[in-house]
Protein backbone atom coordinates (compact mmCIF):
# COMPACT_ATOMS: atom_id res chain seq x y z
CA MET A 1 -29.99 28.84 -34.78
CA LYS A 2 -31.06 25.66 -32.97
CA ALA A 3 -28.48 23.64 -34.86
CA SER A 4 -25.77 26.12 -33.90
CA LEU A 5 -26.84 26.01 -30.25
CA LEU A 6 -26.86 22.22 -30.25
CA ALA A 7 -23.43 22.10 -31.85
CA SER A 8 -22.09 24.52 -29.25
CA LEU A 9 -23.59 22.45 -26.45
CA PHE A 10 -22.10 19.27 -27.91
CA VAL A 11 -18.62 20.83 -28.07
CA THR A 12 -18.96 22.06 -24.47
CA LEU A 13 -19.95 18.59 -23.26
CA LEU A 14 -17.12 17.00 -25.24
CA ILE A 15 -14.57 19.35 -23.70
CA ALA A 16 -15.95 18.71 -20.21
CA HIS A 17 -15.78 14.95 -20.78
CA SER A 18 -12.20 15.21 -22.04
CA GLN A 19 -11.16 17.33 -19.07
CA ASN A 20 -12.76 14.86 -16.67
CA ALA A 21 -11.04 11.93 -18.36
CA LEU A 22 -7.72 13.79 -18.22
CA ALA A 23 -8.21 14.56 -14.52
CA GLN A 24 -8.95 10.91 -13.78
CA ALA A 25 -5.95 9.78 -15.79
CA SER A 26 -3.64 12.13 -13.85
CA HIS A 27 -4.65 10.78 -10.44
CA THR A 28 -4.93 7.34 -8.88
CA SER A 29 -8.28 6.09 -7.67
CA ALA A 30 -7.38 7.39 -4.19
CA GLY A 31 -6.43 10.81 -5.54
CA ILE A 32 -2.64 10.53 -5.67
CA ALA A 33 -1.26 12.82 -8.36
CA LEU A 34 0.33 11.05 -11.32
CA ASP A 35 2.23 14.20 -12.20
CA SER A 36 4.97 12.63 -14.30
CA ALA A 37 5.09 10.10 -17.11
CA TRP A 38 7.08 7.59 -15.05
CA LYS A 39 4.49 7.66 -12.24
CA GLN A 40 1.73 6.96 -14.73
CA THR A 41 3.73 4.04 -16.12
CA VAL A 42 4.51 2.56 -12.69
CA TYR A 43 0.91 2.96 -11.58
CA GLN A 44 -0.31 1.27 -14.75
CA PHE A 45 2.17 -1.56 -14.20
CA ALA A 46 0.86 -2.10 -10.67
CA GLU A 47 -2.75 -1.85 -11.83
CA GLU A 48 -2.22 -4.47 -14.52
CA ASN A 49 0.14 -6.86 -12.74
CA LEU A 50 -0.04 -6.47 -8.95
CA GLN A 51 -3.70 -6.91 -7.97
CA HIS A 52 -4.43 -8.68 -4.68
CA SER A 53 -6.94 -8.32 -1.85
CA ALA A 54 -4.27 -7.94 0.84
CA TRP A 55 -1.17 -6.59 -0.91
CA GLY A 56 -2.31 -5.14 -4.18
CA LEU A 57 -2.90 -1.71 -5.66
CA GLU A 58 -5.18 -0.35 -2.92
CA HIS A 59 -2.62 -1.35 -0.28
CA TYR A 60 0.04 0.61 -2.19
CA GLU A 61 -2.15 3.69 -2.29
CA ARG A 62 -2.85 3.49 1.43
CA ASN A 63 0.85 3.04 2.17
CA TYR A 64 1.87 6.05 0.09
CA LEU A 65 -0.79 8.33 1.55
CA LEU A 66 -0.21 7.23 5.15
CA ALA A 67 3.59 7.45 4.80
CA THR A 68 3.18 10.99 3.48
CA GLU A 69 0.98 11.88 6.44
CA LEU A 70 3.43 10.35 8.94
CA ALA A 71 6.23 12.42 7.44
CA ARG A 72 4.11 15.56 7.72
CA GLN A 73 3.15 14.90 11.33
CA ASP A 74 6.71 14.13 12.41
CA SER A 75 8.22 16.94 10.29
CA LEU A 76 10.35 14.50 8.32
CA THR A 77 11.79 15.29 4.91
CA VAL A 78 11.22 12.42 2.51
CA ASP A 79 12.00 11.89 -1.16
CA GLU A 80 8.52 11.81 -2.69
CA GLU A 81 9.71 10.11 -5.88
CA VAL A 82 11.45 7.34 -3.96
CA LEU A 83 8.40 6.95 -1.71
CA PHE A 84 6.03 6.62 -4.67
CA ALA A 85 8.20 4.06 -6.47
CA ALA A 86 8.77 1.99 -3.33
CA ALA A 87 5.13 2.17 -2.24
CA PHE A 88 3.83 0.88 -5.57
CA LEU A 89 6.47 -1.81 -6.16
CA HIS A 90 7.44 -3.07 -2.69
CA ASP A 91 5.29 -6.23 -2.90
CA MET A 92 5.93 -7.17 -6.52
CA GLY A 93 8.07 -10.06 -5.27
CA THR A 94 4.89 -11.86 -4.20
CA PHE A 95 3.52 -12.02 -7.74
CA ALA A 96 4.31 -14.28 -10.68
CA PRO A 97 6.60 -14.25 -12.55
CA TYR A 98 8.72 -12.50 -9.91
CA ALA A 99 7.96 -14.66 -6.87
CA VAL A 100 10.57 -17.24 -5.89
CA ALA A 101 9.57 -20.07 -3.55
CA GLY A 102 11.24 -19.70 -0.16
CA ALA A 103 12.73 -16.28 -0.99
CA GLU A 104 12.04 -13.10 0.97
CA HIS A 105 9.60 -11.13 -1.20
CA SER A 106 11.29 -7.81 -0.43
CA GLN A 107 14.55 -9.06 -1.90
CA THR A 108 12.75 -10.57 -4.88
CA ALA A 109 11.10 -7.20 -5.49
CA VAL A 110 14.49 -5.47 -5.42
CA ASP A 111 15.84 -8.04 -7.85
CA ASN A 112 13.16 -7.08 -10.37
CA LEU A 113 12.01 -3.51 -9.87
CA GLU A 114 14.97 -1.76 -11.50
CA SER A 115 13.92 -2.78 -15.00
CA VAL A 116 10.38 -1.52 -14.36
CA LEU A 117 11.65 1.83 -13.12
CA ILE A 118 14.27 2.30 -15.84
CA ASP A 119 11.74 1.50 -18.56
CA ALA A 120 9.33 3.99 -16.96
CA GLY A 121 11.93 6.77 -16.99
CA PHE A 122 12.49 6.93 -13.23
CA PRO A 123 15.69 8.74 -12.16
CA SER A 124 18.30 5.97 -12.13
CA GLU A 125 20.34 7.66 -9.40
CA LYS A 126 17.45 7.11 -6.96
CA ILE A 127 16.99 3.38 -7.50
CA ALA A 128 19.35 2.48 -4.65
CA ALA A 129 17.16 4.50 -2.28
CA VAL A 130 14.05 2.73 -3.58
CA ASN A 131 15.75 -0.63 -2.97
CA SER A 132 16.61 0.40 0.59
CA ALA A 133 13.03 1.43 1.33
CA VAL A 134 11.60 -1.77 -0.17
CA LEU A 135 13.97 -3.98 1.84
CA ALA A 136 12.90 -2.18 5.03
CA HIS A 137 9.16 -2.11 4.49
CA MET A 138 8.07 -5.20 6.46
CA TYR A 139 7.38 -5.01 10.20
CA TYR A 140 10.21 -7.46 10.93
CA ALA A 141 12.80 -5.74 8.73
CA GLU A 142 15.79 -3.68 9.77
CA VAL A 143 15.09 -0.03 9.09
CA PRO A 144 17.94 2.30 8.07
CA SER A 145 18.22 5.83 9.41
CA ASP A 146 16.44 7.21 6.38
CA ALA A 147 13.16 9.10 6.65
CA THR A 148 11.64 7.74 3.45
CA ALA A 149 12.32 4.12 4.37
CA THR A 150 11.09 4.74 7.92
CA VAL A 151 7.71 6.19 7.01
CA LEU A 152 7.08 3.46 4.42
CA HIS A 153 7.96 0.82 7.03
CA ASP A 154 5.56 2.38 9.53
CA ALA A 155 2.77 2.81 6.98
CA ASP A 156 3.08 -0.80 5.86
CA THR A 157 3.03 -2.01 9.46
CA LEU A 158 -0.01 0.11 10.30
CA ASP A 159 -1.84 -1.44 7.37
CA PHE A 160 -1.76 -4.74 9.28
CA LEU A 161 -3.53 -3.08 12.22
CA GLY A 162 -7.02 -1.74 12.82
CA VAL A 163 -10.12 -2.67 10.89
CA ILE A 164 -8.20 -2.51 7.62
CA GLY A 165 -5.69 -5.02 9.00
CA VAL A 166 -8.48 -7.39 10.03
CA THR A 167 -10.06 -7.05 6.60
CA ARG A 168 -6.78 -7.79 4.83
CA ILE A 169 -6.00 -10.92 6.84
CA LEU A 170 -9.53 -12.29 6.60
CA SER A 171 -9.35 -11.83 2.84
CA LEU A 172 -6.46 -14.33 2.85
CA THR A 173 -8.51 -17.12 4.43
CA SER A 174 -7.65 -20.49 2.83
CA ARG A 175 -5.04 -18.78 0.61
CA HIS A 176 -2.11 -18.05 2.93
CA PRO A 177 -0.44 -19.61 6.01
CA TRP A 178 -1.44 -16.56 8.05
CA ALA A 179 -5.06 -17.52 7.41
CA SER A 180 -5.26 -21.17 6.43
CA ASP A 181 -8.68 -21.09 8.09
CA LEU A 182 -10.63 -18.52 10.11
CA GLN A 183 -9.26 -19.68 13.45
CA THR A 184 -5.70 -19.31 12.15
CA ALA A 185 -6.57 -15.87 10.79
CA LEU A 186 -7.90 -14.88 14.22
CA ALA A 187 -4.69 -16.07 15.90
CA THR A 188 -2.59 -14.13 13.39
CA LEU A 189 -4.57 -10.97 14.05
CA GLU A 190 -4.21 -11.35 17.81
CA ASN A 191 -0.45 -11.81 17.41
CA PHE A 192 -0.22 -8.77 15.13
CA SER A 193 -2.12 -6.58 17.59
CA ALA A 194 0.31 -7.57 20.35
CA GLN A 195 3.61 -7.59 18.45
CA LEU A 196 3.52 -5.12 15.58
CA PRO A 197 3.22 -1.84 17.52
CA GLU A 198 6.74 -2.40 18.87
CA SER A 199 8.17 -2.07 15.37
CA LEU A 200 6.70 1.40 14.73
CA ARG A 201 9.39 4.07 14.60
CA THR A 202 7.72 7.46 14.23
CA GLU A 203 5.72 9.14 16.98
CA ALA A 204 2.82 9.70 14.61
CA ALA A 205 2.70 6.00 13.71
CA GLN A 206 2.86 4.97 17.36
CA GLU A 207 -0.13 7.17 18.14
CA ILE A 208 -2.11 5.84 15.18
CA GLY A 209 -1.04 2.33 16.16
CA ARG A 210 -2.55 2.68 19.64
CA THR A 211 -5.87 3.69 18.14
CA ARG A 212 -5.83 0.90 15.56
CA VAL A 213 -4.92 -1.77 18.11
CA ALA A 214 -7.84 -0.70 20.28
CA GLN A 215 -10.19 -0.89 17.30
CA MET A 216 -8.75 -4.23 16.29
CA ARG A 217 -9.08 -5.78 19.73
CA GLU A 218 -12.67 -4.57 20.07
CA LEU A 219 -13.55 -6.14 16.73
CA LEU A 220 -11.77 -9.41 17.57
CA THR A 221 -13.47 -9.57 20.96
CA THR A 222 -16.86 -9.17 19.32
CA LEU A 223 -15.99 -11.80 16.74
CA LYS A 224 -15.03 -14.28 19.44
CA GLU A 225 -18.20 -13.52 21.43
CA GLN A 226 -20.28 -14.31 18.38
CA SER A 227 -18.44 -17.55 17.54
CA VAL A 228 -18.23 -19.44 20.85
CA ASP A 229 -14.87 -17.92 21.71
CA GLY A 230 -13.69 -18.57 18.18
CA ALA A 231 -14.48 -22.28 18.26
CA ALA A 232 -17.35 -21.93 15.78
CA LEU A 233 -15.60 -19.91 13.12
């Protein structure tokens, strides 16, 4: 009787463990549903090849989720498949072996992402839309009159603002021209807080941007107060 009870308990625990593992496998770490085989493949590609403190996997997740929320708030109809593909591959042009010295990373991403998507089983007829969204994602890029490209552009821009924006840029210190040292990082952040809100297109993003700029400026002011106006960073 005890052996039978133990066996039953073991099977129950095994099933629960399997279900939990399956649930984790079908969602990203931030809870985005990986509800198709191609999404799982693209996510795995990003997880294995596109890790970075400022423009890696977590940045892609934030962009996708925020872009989705911007679309909801502004009642915009977006192509969710295009948004997912563009969100998780838009910065691949910054990584070896895809990066090309002196080339715009958005274009380099477009030059390479088709093979990733085709191999994953992504609908080939939507690749042109993915390319368009990727080319438009940076704050300085031209944005077409397309809702999916617009919300990705705004989400990516917002990720340079607020506390998350400060965190991203500081993580680049000594690794990137934006942050060759802490003083340069501080100057970059001050420029971003002043210039980037102008590139936001949706009303929802503009509202979020105002909040994030205020948070950012408060943090930067405190940082300067605690470092002799930035001279002792």
